[in-house]
Amino acid sequence: MKSRIEKALERRQKGYNCSQAVLCTYADRAGMDEETAYRVAEAFGTGMGGMQETCGAVTAMFLLAGMLAGGLMVFVWKYLI
C-alpha cells in the first residue's frame, strides 16, 4: 500500500499543482471527494493565483486543518494568536 506522501508525489508528477496534490491526497479525511478537492485547490498552485508567494502545499495544509478542526481554528486565531 502506498503512503499518502507517495500518492501526493505521484499526483504532482501527473501534473497536479502542489495544492491539488496535497488536498486530493487527504480529501477523504476531510469528507471531500477528489474532484471537488481538485477544483478547490486549483487557484492555489504556484503560490496563490500563480504569484509564487505562499506555497500551494502549505495552503492545502491550512485548508485541511480548517476542514478537520471546524470552529476550533476560529478559536485559535481569535484567542491564542
Protein backbone atom coordinates (compact mmCIF):
# COMPACT_ATOMS: atom_id res chain seq x y z
CA MET A 1 0.00 0.00 0.00
CA LYS A 2 1.34 3.43 -0.93
CA SER A 3 1.79 6.05 1.74
CA ARG A 4 -0.07 9.32 1.38
CA ILE A 5 3.24 11.04 0.70
CA GLU A 6 3.87 8.70 -2.22
CA LYS A 7 0.35 9.33 -3.51
CA ALA A 8 0.82 13.11 -3.31
CA LEU A 9 4.15 12.86 -5.15
CA GLU A 10 2.54 10.68 -7.81
CA ARG A 11 -0.23 13.22 -8.32
CA ARG A 12 2.34 16.00 -8.60
CA GLN A 13 4.21 14.03 -11.29
CA LYS A 14 0.92 13.62 -13.17
CA GLY A 15 0.56 17.41 -13.41
CA TYR A 16 -1.45 18.32 -10.32
CA ASN A 17 -0.24 21.57 -8.77
CA CYS A 18 1.19 21.34 -5.24
CA SER A 19 -2.05 22.34 -3.56
CA GLN A 20 -4.09 19.88 -5.61
CA ALA A 21 -1.64 17.06 -4.93
CA VAL A 22 -1.87 17.54 -1.17
CA LEU A 23 -5.59 18.33 -0.89
CA CYS A 24 -6.65 15.47 -3.19
CA THR A 25 -4.48 13.02 -1.27
CA TYR A 26 -6.14 13.90 2.04
CA ALA A 27 -9.62 14.79 0.75
CA ASP A 28 -11.16 11.60 2.11
CA ARG A 29 -10.01 12.52 5.63
CA ALA A 30 -11.94 15.78 5.36
CA GLY A 31 -15.09 14.23 3.86
CA MET A 32 -14.48 15.71 0.42
CA ASP A 33 -14.45 13.89 -2.90
CA GLU A 34 -11.32 14.15 -5.02
CA GLU A 35 -12.94 16.08 -7.89
CA THR A 36 -14.14 18.81 -5.51
CA ALA A 37 -10.74 18.94 -3.81
CA TYR A 38 -9.05 19.27 -7.21
CA ARG A 39 -11.27 22.21 -8.15
CA VAL A 40 -10.98 23.94 -4.76
CA ALA A 41 -7.17 23.75 -4.81
CA GLU A 42 -6.78 24.83 -8.44
CA ALA A 43 -6.20 28.53 -7.72
CA PHE A 44 -3.53 27.86 -5.11
CA GLY A 45 -0.94 26.29 -7.42
CA THR A 46 2.38 28.07 -7.89
CA GLY A 47 1.55 30.16 -4.85
CA MET A 48 -1.82 31.84 -4.54
CA GLY A 49 -3.03 32.69 -8.00
CA GLY A 50 0.33 31.82 -9.56
CA MET A 51 2.10 34.69 -7.79
CA GLN A 52 4.84 32.40 -6.41
CA GLU A 53 4.31 33.54 -2.85
CA THR A 54 2.65 31.19 -0.33
CA CYS A 55 3.36 27.58 -1.29
CA GLY A 56 0.32 25.69 -2.57
CA ALA A 57 1.17 22.68 -0.39
CA VAL A 58 1.08 24.91 2.70
CA THR A 59 -2.21 26.44 1.58
CA ALA A 60 -3.68 22.95 1.18
CA MET A 61 -2.48 22.08 4.68
CA PHE A 62 -4.37 25.08 6.10
CA LEU A 63 -7.48 24.22 4.05
CA LEU A 64 -7.39 20.71 5.53
CA ALA A 65 -6.78 22.00 9.05
CA GLY A 66 -9.82 24.25 8.80
CA MET A 67 -11.98 21.46 7.41
CA LEU A 68 -10.90 19.00 10.08
CA ALA A 69 -10.90 21.38 13.05
CA GLY A 70 -14.06 23.31 12.15
CA GLY A 71 -14.68 26.11 14.63
CA LEU A 72 -11.52 25.29 16.54
CA MET A 73 -9.43 27.30 14.06
CA VAL A 74 -11.55 30.40 14.70
CA PHE A 75 -10.98 29.98 18.44
CA VAL A 76 -7.22 29.57 17.96
CA TRP A 77 -6.89 32.69 15.79
CA LYS A 78 -9.19 34.80 17.99
CA TYR A 79 -7.90 33.88 21.42
CA LEU A 80 -4.49 32.26 21.14
CA ILE A 81 -2.64 34.18 18.45
